[in-house]
C-alpha atoms as a PDB file:
ATOM      1  CA  UNK A   1      -8.528   5.550 -34.198  1.00  0.00           C
ATOM      2  CA  UNK A   2      -5.459   6.477 -32.064  1.00  0.00           C
ATOM      3  CA  UNK A   3      -5.202   5.667 -28.332  1.00  0.00           C
ATOM      4  CA  UNK A   4      -2.981   6.155 -25.204  1.00  0.00           C
ATOM      5  CA  UNK A   5      -1.017   3.723 -23.228  1.00  0.00           C
ATOM      6  CA  UNK A   6      -0.091   4.474 -19.750  1.00  0.00           C
ATOM      7  CA  UNK A   7       2.733   2.479 -18.047  1.00  0.00           C
ATOM      8  CA  UNK A   8       5.506   2.656 -15.279  1.00  0.00           C
ATOM      9  CA  UNK A   9       8.967   2.797 -16.537  1.00  0.00           C
ATOM     10  CA  UNK A  10      12.029   0.949 -14.942  1.00  0.00           C
ATOM     11  CA  UNK A  11      12.765   4.128 -13.208  1.00  0.00           C
ATOM     12  CA  UNK A  12       9.567   4.086 -11.197  1.00  0.00           C
ATOM     13  CA  UNK A  13       8.050   6.886 -13.019  1.00  0.00           C
ATOM     14  CA  UNK A  14       4.758   6.827 -15.060  1.00  0.00           C
ATOM     15  CA  UNK A  15       4.832   7.502 -18.796  1.00  0.00           C
ATOM     16  CA  UNK A  16       2.141   7.654 -21.690  1.00  0.00           C
ATOM     17  CA  UNK A  17       2.372   7.065 -25.331  1.00  0.00           C
ATOM     18  CA  UNK A  18      -0.155   8.300 -27.885  1.00  0.00           C
ATOM     19  CA  UNK A  19      -0.346   5.594 -30.569  1.00  0.00           C
ATOM     20  CA  UNK A  20      -1.779   5.835 -34.020  1.00  0.00           C
ATOM     21  CA  UNK A  21      -4.356   3.326 -35.352  1.00  0.00           C
ATOM     22  CA  UNK A  22      -1.486   1.144 -36.758  1.00  0.00           C
ATOM     23  CA  UNK A  23       0.008   1.103 -33.332  1.00  0.00           C
ATOM     24  CA  UNK A  24       3.025   3.171 -34.059  1.00  0.00           C
ATOM     25  CA  UNK A  25       4.034   5.707 -31.258  1.00  0.00           C
ATOM     26  CA  UNK A  26       3.208   9.347 -32.437  1.00  0.00           C
ATOM     27  CA  UNK A  27       3.854  11.254 -29.056  1.00  0.00           C
ATOM     28  CA  UNK A  28       5.518  10.182 -25.805  1.00  0.00           C
ATOM     29  CA  UNK A  29       5.452  11.950 -22.535  1.00  0.00           C
ATOM     30  CA  UNK A  30       7.769  12.983 -19.853  1.00  0.00           C
ATOM     31  CA  UNK A  31       8.022  11.099 -16.817  1.00  0.00           C
ATOM     32  CA  UNK A  32       5.606  11.673 -13.935  1.00  0.00           C
ATOM     33  CA  UNK A  33       6.084  10.771 -10.217  1.00  0.00           C
ATOM     34  CA  UNK A  34       2.468   9.674  -9.853  1.00  0.00           C
ATOM     35  CA  UNK A  35       0.069   7.887 -12.077  1.00  0.00           C
ATOM     36  CA  UNK A  36      -2.523  10.574 -11.365  1.00  0.00           C
ATOM     37  CA  UNK A  37       0.032  13.160 -12.955  1.00  0.00           C
ATOM     38  CA  UNK A  38       0.307  11.043 -16.117  1.00  0.00           C
ATOM     39  CA  UNK A  39      -3.393  10.712 -16.372  1.00  0.00           C
ATOM     40  CA  UNK A  40      -3.646  14.565 -16.121  1.00  0.00           C
ATOM     41  CA  UNK A  41      -1.072  14.806 -18.805  1.00  0.00           C
ATOM     42  CA  UNK A  42      -3.179  12.642 -21.124  1.00  0.00           C
ATOM     43  CA  UNK A  43      -6.160  14.763 -20.412  1.00  0.00           C
ATOM     44  CA  UNK A  44      -4.214  17.970 -21.201  1.00  0.00           C
ATOM     45  CA  UNK A  45      -3.294  16.561 -24.473  1.00  0.00           C
ATOM     46  CA  UNK A  46      -6.764  15.525 -25.125  1.00  0.00           C
ATOM     47  CA  UNK A  47      -8.141  18.931 -24.467  1.00  0.00           C
ATOM     48  CA  UNK A  48      -5.403  21.069 -26.246  1.00  0.00           C
ATOM     49  CA  UNK A  49      -4.707  18.845 -29.403  1.00  0.00           C
ATOM     50  CA  UNK A  50      -7.817  19.905 -31.191  1.00  0.00           C
ATOM     51  CA  UNK A  51      -5.891  22.651 -32.991  1.00  0.00           C
ATOM     52  CA  UNK A  52      -4.890  22.425 -36.582  1.00  0.00           C
ATOM     53  CA  UNK A  53      -2.780  25.538 -36.234  1.00  0.00           C
ATOM     54  CA  UNK A  54       0.898  24.800 -37.026  1.00  0.00           C
ATOM     55  CA  UNK A  55       3.508  27.566 -35.751  1.00  0.00           C
ATOM     56  CA  UNK A  56       6.688  27.045 -37.785  1.00  0.00           C
ATOM     57  CA  UNK A  57       9.307  28.350 -35.327  1.00  0.00           C
ATOM     58  CA  UNK A  58      12.320  26.946 -37.482  1.00  0.00           C
ATOM     59  CA  UNK A  59      12.929  30.478 -38.793  1.00  0.00           C
ATOM     60  CA  UNK A  60      13.350  32.320 -35.378  1.00  0.00           C
ATOM     61  CA  UNK A  61      16.175  34.896 -35.200  1.00  0.00           C
ATOM     62  CA  UNK A  62      19.027  34.037 -33.016  1.00  0.00           C
END
């Protein structure tokens, strides 16, 4: 089962990683100015990541 890690970076911002069961990072966040913001980011991913739809946008016209 995957899990999230929440941590404070050297720059003072808060970040999270989503890790697979084998502890490898499979997703990393942007920096957040508050811990609460990072926690909201985790919750957003948890709510929105249930989709199995893949949108292939590699063939977009220029």
